[in-house]
Amino acid sequence: MAASNNAPSGLDKEQIFGMAEKEMEYRVELFNKLTHTCFNKCVDKRYKESELNMGENSCIDRCVSKYWHVTNLVGQLLGSGRPPM
């Protein structure tokens, strides 16, 4: 049987790898920003305990949820080509 004509060429593989690398860099940057933002907002600068307290846990949970929601909303708006509301 002959090889499939749908197999990516060397250039296509490089482009795919480059896009995957950029996506990974974006995700790492997003995670780092989310972590930094929510930690600074929710965790007291003077550590009183070795573990997060209930208030800090709740704050971080809400912060992360809102951060992801807004990030997804912005991504959808940019992807749709529509101007912001």
Protein backbone atom coordinates (compact mmCIF):
# COMPACT_ATOMS: atom_id res chain seq x y z
CA MET A 1 0.00 0.00 0.00
CA ALA A 2 1.27 3.49 -0.79
CA ALA A 3 2.05 6.05 1.93
CA SER A 4 -0.71 8.53 2.67
CA ASN A 5 -0.45 11.95 0.99
CA ASN A 6 -1.83 13.54 4.18
CA ALA A 7 1.41 13.07 6.15
CA PRO A 8 2.95 16.43 7.12
CA SER A 9 6.14 17.45 5.38
CA GLY A 10 9.29 18.50 7.24
CA LEU A 11 8.31 22.18 7.05
CA ASP A 12 4.81 21.42 8.31
CA LYS A 13 6.29 19.48 11.25
CA GLU A 14 8.52 22.44 12.11
CA GLN A 15 5.54 24.81 11.97
CA ILE A 16 3.46 22.47 14.14
CA PHE A 17 6.31 22.13 16.63
CA GLY A 18 6.79 25.91 16.67
CA MET A 19 3.09 26.50 17.32
CA ALA A 20 3.07 23.88 20.09
CA GLU A 21 6.12 25.52 21.66
CA LYS A 22 4.45 28.96 21.57
CA GLU A 23 1.28 27.49 23.07
CA MET A 24 3.29 25.94 25.91
CA GLU A 25 5.10 29.25 26.55
CA TYR A 26 1.74 31.04 26.63
CA ARG A 27 0.26 28.54 29.09
CA VAL A 28 3.29 28.74 31.39
CA GLU A 29 3.14 32.55 31.33
CA LEU A 30 -0.62 32.48 32.01
CA PHE A 31 -0.15 30.10 34.94
CA ASN A 32 2.65 32.24 36.37
CA LYS A 33 0.57 35.43 36.09
CA LEU A 34 -2.44 33.72 37.66
CA THR A 35 -0.35 32.36 40.52
CA HIS A 36 1.37 35.69 41.16
CA THR A 37 -1.86 37.73 40.96
CA CYS A 38 -3.97 35.49 43.19
CA PHE A 39 -1.19 34.87 45.71
CA ASN A 40 -0.50 38.59 46.12
CA LYS A 41 -4.21 39.35 46.41
CA CYS A 42 -5.19 36.58 48.82
CA VAL A 43 -2.24 35.58 51.01
CA ASP A 44 -1.13 37.76 53.89
CA LYS A 45 2.48 38.93 53.49
CA ARG A 46 3.31 37.92 57.07
CA TYR A 47 2.92 34.17 57.26
CA LYS A 48 1.14 33.23 60.46
CA GLU A 49 0.56 29.58 59.66
CA SER A 50 2.20 26.93 57.52
CA GLU A 51 -1.07 26.23 55.68
CA LEU A 52 -3.61 28.49 53.99
CA ASN A 53 -6.53 29.43 56.21
CA MET A 54 -10.18 29.18 55.16
CA GLY A 55 -10.38 32.83 54.02
CA GLU A 56 -7.22 32.54 51.91
CA ASN A 57 -8.46 29.29 50.36
CA SER A 58 -11.80 30.86 49.44
CA CYS A 59 -10.13 33.98 48.05
CA ILE A 60 -7.74 31.96 45.91
CA ASP A 61 -10.58 29.75 44.64
CA ARG A 62 -12.64 32.80 43.59
CA CYS A 63 -9.59 34.58 42.14
CA VAL A 64 -8.58 31.61 39.99
CA SER A 65 -12.16 31.08 38.83
CA LYS A 66 -12.54 34.73 37.80
CA TYR A 67 -9.09 34.80 36.17
CA TRP A 68 -9.93 31.76 34.00
CA HIS A 69 -13.38 33.11 33.18
CA VAL A 70 -11.99 36.46 32.01
CA THR A 71 -9.12 34.81 30.12
CA ASN A 72 -11.59 32.56 28.27
CA LEU A 73 -13.91 35.49 27.56
CA VAL A 74 -11.07 37.58 26.13
CA GLY A 75 -9.91 34.61 24.03
CA GLN A 76 -13.41 34.12 22.63
CA LEU A 77 -13.74 37.82 21.80
CA LEU A 78 -10.35 37.90 20.10
CA GLY A 79 -11.10 34.67 18.25
CA SER A 80 -14.46 35.88 16.98
CA GLY A 81 -13.09 39.14 15.60
CA ARG A 82 -15.86 41.09 17.32
CA PRO A 83 -15.08 44.34 19.07
CA PRO A 84 -15.44 44.25 22.87
CA MET A 85 -18.85 45.08 24.32
